[in-house]
Amino acid sequence: EPFINDVTLFPLRINRHLEGSFTEIFHHSDFYAIAQLSASVINPGVINAFHIHPKRSQAEIWYVMKGEMLVCLIDLRRQSPTYDTIQRIYLSAEAPCLLYIPDGVAHGYKTGVNGATLLYATSSSFDGTNEGRISWDAFGEEIWKRS
């Protein structure tokens, strides 16, 4: 898979013990200032794509708490060395990591057979006028097929 400049995966460690488990998700000093923390519970097999923030800069950090999803990213930053690159990343609660999505990278996902719970932090608060949408099949239907 090609990669998009500035998109970053941060593997996390699950600390398992008799009572259950503990996972440190992130430290404030590791990232930008977080304006909002949100969670989405998504049904199985749902495609939610593509999303971009056209009016005001917004970066995101994603963490799949439960289930799994195929994430598709498209670099729409004209000044980026990876402009127009498509990157696909598989996120799962069984292999926890954080996914950093910089502003200007269109993003979407398709959940697995058990759906997913997504915890995500954004660098700006929700503003409905800053929610740009691109059709789920704008870059071809085949990108949603797991290889």
N, C-alpha and C. Protein backbone atom coordinates (compact mmCIF):
# COMPACT_ATOMS: atom_id res chain seq x y z
N GLU A 1 0.83 -1.19 0.00
CA GLU A 1 0.00 0.00 0.00
C GLU A 1 0.88 1.25 0.00
N PRO A 2 0.53 2.23 -0.82
CA PRO A 2 1.25 3.50 -0.74
C PRO A 2 0.91 4.21 0.57
N PHE A 3 1.73 5.16 0.95
CA PHE A 3 1.46 5.90 2.18
C PHE A 3 1.26 7.37 1.84
N ILE A 4 0.55 8.06 2.75
CA ILE A 4 0.31 9.48 2.60
C ILE A 4 1.18 10.22 3.60
N ASN A 5 1.87 11.25 3.12
CA ASN A 5 2.72 12.07 3.96
C ASN A 5 1.95 12.60 5.17
N ASP A 6 2.53 12.46 6.35
CA ASP A 6 2.02 12.95 7.63
C ASP A 6 0.95 12.05 8.27
N VAL A 7 0.36 11.10 7.54
CA VAL A 7 -0.54 10.14 8.16
C VAL A 7 0.33 9.21 9.01
N THR A 8 -0.05 9.02 10.27
CA THR A 8 0.82 8.27 11.19
C THR A 8 0.01 7.27 12.00
N LEU A 9 0.57 6.08 12.15
CA LEU A 9 0.00 5.06 13.04
C LEU A 9 0.88 4.96 14.27
N PHE A 10 0.26 4.96 15.43
CA PHE A 10 0.97 4.82 16.70
C PHE A 10 0.49 3.53 17.35
N PRO A 11 1.27 2.44 17.29
CA PRO A 11 0.84 1.19 17.95
C PRO A 11 0.73 1.40 19.46
N LEU A 12 -0.28 0.76 20.04
CA LEU A 12 -0.50 0.82 21.48
C LEU A 12 -0.30 -0.57 22.07
N ARG A 13 -0.02 -0.60 23.36
CA ARG A 13 0.20 -1.88 24.03
C ARG A 13 -0.96 -2.14 24.99
N ILE A 14 -1.51 -3.35 24.87
CA ILE A 14 -2.54 -3.79 25.82
C ILE A 14 -1.82 -4.46 26.98
N ASN A 15 -2.04 -3.98 28.18
CA ASN A 15 -1.49 -4.59 29.38
C ASN A 15 -2.56 -5.51 29.96
N ARG A 16 -2.40 -6.81 29.76
CA ARG A 16 -3.40 -7.79 30.20
C ARG A 16 -3.04 -8.30 31.59
N HIS A 17 -4.07 -8.53 32.39
CA HIS A 17 -3.89 -9.10 33.72
C HIS A 17 -5.15 -9.88 34.07
N LEU A 18 -5.17 -10.52 35.22
CA LEU A 18 -6.29 -11.38 35.61
C LEU A 18 -7.62 -10.63 35.64
N GLU A 19 -7.60 -9.37 36.02
CA GLU A 19 -8.84 -8.60 36.13
C GLU A 19 -9.35 -8.07 34.80
N GLY A 20 -8.55 -8.10 33.76
CA GLY A 20 -8.92 -7.55 32.45
C GLY A 20 -7.72 -7.00 31.73
N SER A 21 -7.79 -5.75 31.32
CA SER A 21 -6.66 -5.14 30.61
C SER A 21 -6.69 -3.63 30.79
N PHE A 22 -5.54 -3.02 30.45
CA PHE A 22 -5.37 -1.58 30.54
C PHE A 22 -4.56 -1.14 29.32
N THR A 23 -5.03 -0.10 28.63
CA THR A 23 -4.31 0.44 27.48
C THR A 23 -4.22 1.95 27.62
N GLU A 24 -3.00 2.49 27.59
CA GLU A 24 -2.83 3.94 27.54
C GLU A 24 -3.10 4.37 26.11
N ILE A 25 -4.03 5.30 25.93
CA ILE A 25 -4.39 5.71 24.57
C ILE A 25 -3.50 6.83 24.08
N PHE A 26 -3.39 7.92 24.81
CA PHE A 26 -2.42 8.95 24.44
C PHE A 26 -2.15 9.89 25.59
N HIS A 27 -1.02 10.57 25.47
CA HIS A 27 -0.62 11.61 26.41
C HIS A 27 -0.82 12.96 25.73
N HIS A 28 -1.27 13.94 26.47
CA HIS A 28 -1.50 15.27 25.91
C HIS A 28 -0.27 15.80 25.18
N SER A 29 0.90 15.54 25.71
CA SER A 29 2.13 16.08 25.12
C SER A 29 2.48 15.44 23.78
N ASP A 30 1.84 14.32 23.44
CA ASP A 30 2.17 13.61 22.20
C ASP A 30 1.53 14.23 20.95
N PHE A 31 0.50 15.05 21.12
CA PHE A 31 -0.28 15.50 19.98
C PHE A 31 -0.58 16.99 20.07
N TYR A 32 -1.38 17.44 19.15
CA TYR A 32 -1.84 18.83 19.11
C TYR A 32 -2.88 19.05 20.20
N ALA A 33 -3.30 20.28 20.35
CA ALA A 33 -4.36 20.59 21.31
C ALA A 33 -5.67 19.97 20.82
N ILE A 34 -6.34 19.26 21.68
CA ILE A 34 -7.59 18.61 21.33
C ILE A 34 -8.76 19.51 21.73
N ALA A 35 -9.62 19.79 20.76
CA ALA A 35 -10.78 20.64 21.01
C ALA A 35 -12.01 19.82 21.37
N GLN A 36 -12.08 18.59 20.86
CA GLN A 36 -13.26 17.77 21.10
C GLN A 36 -12.89 16.30 21.07
N LEU A 37 -13.52 15.52 21.95
CA LEU A 37 -13.38 14.07 21.99
C LEU A 37 -14.77 13.49 21.78
N SER A 38 -14.91 12.58 20.80
CA SER A 38 -16.22 12.04 20.45
C SER A 38 -16.13 10.53 20.28
N ALA A 39 -17.27 9.87 20.30
CA ALA A 39 -17.33 8.43 20.06
C ALA A 39 -18.49 8.14 19.12
N SER A 40 -18.28 7.16 18.25
CA SER A 40 -19.33 6.69 17.35
C SER A 40 -19.45 5.19 17.48
N VAL A 41 -20.67 4.70 17.59
CA VAL A 41 -20.96 3.27 17.55
C VAL A 41 -21.54 3.02 16.17
N ILE A 42 -20.88 2.15 15.39
CA ILE A 42 -21.24 1.99 13.98
C ILE A 42 -21.66 0.54 13.72
N ASN A 43 -22.75 0.39 13.01
CA ASN A 43 -23.28 -0.93 12.68
C ASN A 43 -22.37 -1.70 11.73
N PRO A 44 -22.54 -3.01 11.64
CA PRO A 44 -21.72 -3.84 10.74
C PRO A 44 -21.88 -3.45 9.27
N GLY A 45 -20.76 -3.49 8.54
CA GLY A 45 -20.77 -3.30 7.10
C GLY A 45 -21.09 -1.90 6.60
N VAL A 46 -21.04 -0.92 7.45
CA VAL A 46 -21.37 0.45 7.07
C VAL A 46 -20.18 1.13 6.40
N ILE A 47 -20.42 1.81 5.29
CA ILE A 47 -19.42 2.67 4.67
C ILE A 47 -19.81 4.10 4.99
N ASN A 48 -18.90 4.83 5.63
CA ASN A 48 -19.11 6.25 5.93
C ASN A 48 -17.95 6.99 5.28
N ALA A 49 -18.20 7.58 4.12
CA ALA A 49 -17.12 8.21 3.38
C ALA A 49 -17.70 9.17 2.35
N PHE A 50 -16.88 9.99 1.87
CA PHE A 50 -15.61 10.53 2.38
C PHE A 50 -15.90 11.85 3.05
N HIS A 51 -15.04 12.22 3.97
CA HIS A 51 -15.26 13.38 4.82
C HIS A 51 -14.02 14.27 4.75
N ILE A 52 -14.24 15.57 4.65
CA ILE A 52 -13.14 16.54 4.60
C ILE A 52 -13.65 17.83 5.25
N HIS A 53 -12.74 18.67 5.68
CA HIS A 53 -13.10 19.93 6.35
C HIS A 53 -12.65 21.10 5.48
N PRO A 54 -13.56 21.63 4.63
CA PRO A 54 -13.17 22.61 3.62
C PRO A 54 -12.97 24.04 4.12
N LYS A 55 -13.60 24.43 5.23
CA LYS A 55 -13.57 25.83 5.64
C LYS A 55 -12.55 26.13 6.74
N ARG A 56 -12.37 25.19 7.65
CA ARG A 56 -11.46 25.42 8.78
C ARG A 56 -10.64 24.17 9.03
N SER A 57 -9.38 24.35 9.27
CA SER A 57 -8.46 23.23 9.48
C SER A 57 -8.94 22.32 10.62
N GLN A 58 -8.87 21.00 10.36
CA GLN A 58 -9.20 20.04 11.41
C GLN A 58 -8.44 18.75 11.17
N ALA A 59 -7.57 18.42 12.11
CA ALA A 59 -6.89 17.12 12.10
C ALA A 59 -7.66 16.20 13.05
N GLU A 60 -7.45 14.88 12.88
CA GLU A 60 -8.17 13.91 13.71
C GLU A 60 -7.23 12.80 14.15
N ILE A 61 -7.56 12.22 15.31
CA ILE A 61 -6.90 11.02 15.81
C ILE A 61 -7.98 9.99 16.06
N TRP A 62 -7.84 8.80 15.46
CA TRP A 62 -8.85 7.75 15.59
C TRP A 62 -8.30 6.59 16.41
N TYR A 63 -9.20 5.99 17.19
CA TYR A 63 -8.88 4.80 17.98
C TYR A 63 -10.09 3.88 17.96
N VAL A 64 -9.94 2.67 17.43
CA VAL A 64 -11.03 1.70 17.40
C VAL A 64 -11.04 0.98 18.74
N MET A 65 -12.09 1.22 19.52
CA MET A 65 -12.22 0.62 20.85
C MET A 65 -12.81 -0.79 20.78
N LYS A 66 -13.64 -1.02 19.79
CA LYS A 66 -14.31 -2.31 19.65
C LYS A 66 -14.54 -2.57 18.18
N GLY A 67 -14.34 -3.81 17.75
CA GLY A 67 -14.59 -4.18 16.36
C GLY A 67 -13.42 -3.85 15.45
N GLU A 68 -13.76 -3.59 14.21
CA GLU A 68 -12.72 -3.36 13.20
C GLU A 68 -13.27 -2.51 12.07
N MET A 69 -12.35 -1.87 11.35
CA MET A 69 -12.74 -1.08 10.20
C MET A 69 -11.59 -0.95 9.20
N LEU A 70 -11.98 -0.86 7.95
CA LEU A 70 -11.04 -0.54 6.87
C LEU A 70 -11.15 0.96 6.67
N VAL A 71 -10.04 1.66 6.82
CA VAL A 71 -10.00 3.12 6.67
C VAL A 71 -9.38 3.44 5.31
N CYS A 72 -10.05 4.29 4.55
CA CYS A 72 -9.52 4.74 3.27
C CYS A 72 -9.26 6.24 3.36
N LEU A 73 -8.05 6.63 2.95
CA LEU A 73 -7.61 8.02 3.01
C LEU A 73 -7.18 8.47 1.62
N ILE A 74 -7.49 9.71 1.27
CA ILE A 74 -7.06 10.28 0.00
C ILE A 74 -6.47 11.65 0.28
N ASP A 75 -5.22 11.85 -0.14
CA ASP A 75 -4.53 13.12 0.10
C ASP A 75 -5.01 14.16 -0.91
N LEU A 76 -5.74 15.16 -0.43
CA LEU A 76 -6.26 16.23 -1.28
C LEU A 76 -5.51 17.54 -1.09
N ARG A 77 -4.35 17.48 -0.42
CA ARG A 77 -3.54 18.68 -0.19
C ARG A 77 -2.66 18.91 -1.42
N ARG A 78 -2.98 19.89 -2.22
CA ARG A 78 -2.26 20.12 -3.48
C ARG A 78 -0.76 20.34 -3.29
N GLN A 79 -0.34 20.90 -2.16
CA GLN A 79 1.07 21.15 -1.90
C GLN A 79 1.80 19.92 -1.36
N SER A 80 1.10 18.85 -1.09
CA SER A 80 1.69 17.65 -0.48
C SER A 80 2.46 16.83 -1.52
N PRO A 81 3.60 16.24 -1.11
CA PRO A 81 4.34 15.37 -2.04
C PRO A 81 3.56 14.09 -2.36
N THR A 82 2.53 13.78 -1.60
CA THR A 82 1.72 12.58 -1.86
C THR A 82 0.31 12.95 -2.32
N TYR A 83 0.16 14.14 -2.91
CA TYR A 83 -1.15 14.58 -3.41
C TYR A 83 -1.77 13.51 -4.29
N ASP A 84 -3.05 13.25 -4.10
CA ASP A 84 -3.86 12.31 -4.88
C ASP A 84 -3.57 10.84 -4.55
N THR A 85 -2.74 10.60 -3.54
CA THR A 85 -2.44 9.22 -3.13
C THR A 85 -3.59 8.67 -2.30
N ILE A 86 -3.90 7.40 -2.52
CA ILE A 86 -4.90 6.69 -1.73
C ILE A 86 -4.17 5.72 -0.81
N GLN A 87 -4.53 5.73 0.46
CA GLN A 87 -3.94 4.82 1.44
C GLN A 87 -5.07 4.11 2.17
N ARG A 88 -4.92 2.81 2.34
CA ARG A 88 -5.89 2.01 3.07
C ARG A 88 -5.22 1.44 4.32
N ILE A 89 -5.91 1.52 5.44
CA ILE A 89 -5.37 1.04 6.72
C ILE A 89 -6.45 0.24 7.42
N TYR A 90 -6.09 -0.91 7.94
CA TYR A 90 -7.02 -1.75 8.68
C TYR A 90 -6.81 -1.49 10.16
N LEU A 91 -7.87 -1.04 10.86
CA LEU A 91 -7.81 -0.80 12.30
C LEU A 91 -8.68 -1.81 13.03
N SER A 92 -8.17 -2.32 14.15
CA SER A 92 -8.89 -3.32 14.92
C SER A 92 -8.63 -3.11 16.40
N ALA A 93 -9.65 -3.36 17.21
CA ALA A 93 -9.48 -3.28 18.66
C ALA A 93 -8.51 -4.35 19.15
N GLU A 94 -8.34 -5.43 18.40
CA GLU A 94 -7.44 -6.52 18.79
C GLU A 94 -5.96 -6.14 18.60
N ALA A 95 -5.69 -5.17 17.75
CA ALA A 95 -4.33 -4.67 17.53
C ALA A 95 -4.39 -3.16 17.66
N PRO A 96 -4.54 -2.65 18.88
CA PRO A 96 -4.84 -1.23 19.07
C PRO A 96 -3.72 -0.30 18.61
N CYS A 97 -4.16 0.79 18.00
CA CYS A 97 -3.23 1.85 17.61
C CYS A 97 -4.03 3.13 17.42
N LEU A 98 -3.33 4.22 17.37
CA LEU A 98 -3.92 5.51 17.04
C LEU A 98 -3.59 5.81 15.59
N LEU A 99 -4.54 6.40 14.89
CA LEU A 99 -4.32 6.84 13.52
C LEU A 99 -4.46 8.35 13.49
N TYR A 100 -3.39 9.04 13.10
CA TYR A 100 -3.41 10.50 12.96
C TYR A 100 -3.73 10.83 11.50
N ILE A 101 -4.79 11.61 11.29
CA ILE A 101 -5.21 12.04 9.96
C ILE A 101 -5.06 13.56 9.89
N PRO A 102 -4.10 14.05 9.10
CA PRO A 102 -3.89 15.49 9.02
C PRO A 102 -5.01 16.18 8.24
N ASP A 103 -5.16 17.48 8.47
CA ASP A 103 -6.12 18.27 7.72
C ASP A 103 -5.81 18.17 6.24
N GLY A 104 -6.84 18.11 5.42
CA GLY A 104 -6.65 18.04 3.97
C GLY A 104 -6.63 16.64 3.42
N VAL A 105 -6.69 15.63 4.29
CA VAL A 105 -6.74 14.24 3.86
C VAL A 105 -8.19 13.76 4.04
N ALA A 106 -8.84 13.46 2.92
CA ALA A 106 -10.22 12.95 2.98
C ALA A 106 -10.18 11.57 3.62
N HIS A 107 -11.18 11.28 4.45
CA HIS A 107 -11.16 10.02 5.19
C HIS A 107 -12.55 9.40 5.27
N GLY A 108 -12.54 8.07 5.32
CA GLY A 108 -13.77 7.32 5.47
C GLY A 108 -13.45 5.92 5.93
N TYR A 109 -14.49 5.16 6.24
CA TYR A 109 -14.26 3.80 6.73
C TYR A 109 -15.40 2.88 6.33
N LYS A 110 -15.10 1.58 6.41
CA LYS A 110 -16.09 0.51 6.27
C LYS A 110 -15.89 -0.40 7.46
N THR A 111 -16.96 -0.63 8.22
CA THR A 111 -16.85 -1.48 9.41
C THR A 111 -16.90 -2.95 9.02
N GLY A 112 -16.38 -3.78 9.93
CA GLY A 112 -16.38 -5.22 9.74
C GLY A 112 -17.72 -5.84 10.10
N VAL A 113 -17.74 -7.16 10.17
CA VAL A 113 -18.98 -7.91 10.38
C VAL A 113 -19.59 -7.69 11.77
N ASN A 114 -18.81 -7.22 12.72
CA ASN A 114 -19.33 -6.94 14.06
C ASN A 114 -19.49 -5.45 14.33
N GLY A 115 -19.32 -4.62 13.31
CA GLY A 115 -19.40 -3.19 13.52
C GLY A 115 -18.16 -2.67 14.23
N ALA A 116 -18.25 -1.47 14.80
CA ALA A 116 -17.09 -0.88 15.47
C ALA A 116 -17.54 0.24 16.40
N THR A 117 -16.70 0.49 17.38
CA THR A 117 -16.85 1.67 18.22
C THR A 117 -15.58 2.49 18.03
N LEU A 118 -15.75 3.71 17.57
CA LEU A 118 -14.63 4.59 17.24
C LEU A 118 -14.59 5.75 18.22
N LEU A 119 -13.46 5.92 18.88
CA LEU A 119 -13.19 7.08 19.72
C LEU A 119 -12.29 7.99 18.91
N TYR A 120 -12.64 9.27 18.79
CA TYR A 120 -11.79 10.14 17.99
C TYR A 120 -11.71 11.54 18.58
N ALA A 121 -10.53 12.09 18.45
CA ALA A 121 -10.24 13.44 18.92
C ALA A 121 -10.05 14.34 17.70
N THR A 122 -10.54 15.57 17.82
CA THR A 122 -10.40 16.52 16.72
C THR A 122 -9.75 17.81 17.22
N SER A 123 -9.06 18.47 16.32
CA SER A 123 -8.34 19.70 16.68
C SER A 123 -9.25 20.93 16.69
N SER A 124 -10.50 20.77 16.24
CA SER A 124 -11.48 21.85 16.34
C SER A 124 -12.83 21.23 16.67
N SER A 125 -13.69 22.01 17.29
CA SER A 125 -15.00 21.51 17.67
C SER A 125 -15.91 21.37 16.46
N PHE A 126 -16.93 20.53 16.62
CA PHE A 126 -17.88 20.28 15.54
C PHE A 126 -18.54 21.58 15.08
N ASP A 127 -18.60 21.73 13.76
CA ASP A 127 -19.25 22.86 13.12
C ASP A 127 -19.84 22.32 11.82
N GLY A 128 -21.15 22.22 11.77
CA GLY A 128 -21.82 21.65 10.61
C GLY A 128 -21.49 22.32 9.29
N THR A 129 -21.10 23.59 9.32
CA THR A 129 -20.75 24.28 8.08
C THR A 129 -19.35 23.89 7.58
N ASN A 130 -18.59 23.16 8.39
CA ASN A 130 -17.25 22.74 8.02
C ASN A 130 -17.19 21.24 7.70
N GLU A 131 -18.33 20.67 7.39
CA GLU A 131 -18.42 19.24 7.10
C GLU A 131 -18.60 19.03 5.60
N GLY A 132 -17.51 18.73 4.92
CA GLY A 132 -17.57 18.48 3.48
C GLY A 132 -17.69 16.99 3.21
N ARG A 133 -18.47 16.62 2.23
CA ARG A 133 -18.67 15.21 1.88
C ARG A 133 -18.31 14.95 0.43
N ILE A 134 -17.71 13.80 0.22
CA ILE A 134 -17.39 13.30 -1.11
C ILE A 134 -18.01 11.91 -1.18
N SER A 135 -18.62 11.56 -2.28
CA SER A 135 -19.31 10.27 -2.42
C SER A 135 -18.39 9.09 -2.08
N TRP A 136 -18.95 8.07 -1.44
CA TRP A 136 -18.21 6.88 -1.02
C TRP A 136 -17.53 6.17 -2.18
N ASP A 137 -18.06 6.33 -3.40
CA ASP A 137 -17.49 5.63 -4.56
C ASP A 137 -16.74 6.58 -5.51
N ALA A 138 -16.44 7.79 -5.06
CA ALA A 138 -15.77 8.78 -5.91
C ALA A 138 -14.38 8.33 -6.38
N PHE A 139 -13.74 7.46 -5.64
CA PHE A 139 -12.39 6.99 -5.98
C PHE A 139 -12.42 5.52 -6.38
N GLY A 140 -13.60 5.01 -6.69
CA GLY A 140 -13.78 3.63 -7.12
C GLY A 140 -14.30 2.75 -6.00
N GLU A 141 -15.20 1.84 -6.34
CA GLU A 141 -15.77 0.93 -5.35
C GLU A 141 -14.75 -0.09 -4.84
N GLU A 142 -13.75 -0.40 -5.66
CA GLU A 142 -12.80 -1.47 -5.32
C GLU A 142 -11.95 -1.14 -4.10
N ILE A 143 -11.82 0.13 -3.72
CA ILE A 143 -10.98 0.46 -2.55
C ILE A 143 -11.59 -0.05 -1.25
N TRP A 144 -12.88 -0.39 -1.28
CA TRP A 144 -13.55 -0.89 -0.07
C TRP A 144 -13.46 -2.40 0.09
N LYS A 145 -12.82 -3.06 -0.87
CA LYS A 145 -12.66 -4.51 -0.78
C LYS A 145 -11.38 -4.82 -0.03
N ARG A 146 -11.48 -5.63 0.97
CA ARG A 146 -10.30 -5.98 1.79
C ARG A 146 -9.43 -6.95 1.00
N SER A 147 -8.13 -6.65 0.94
CA SER A 147 -7.21 -7.53 0.21
C SER A 147 -6.52 -8.49 1.13
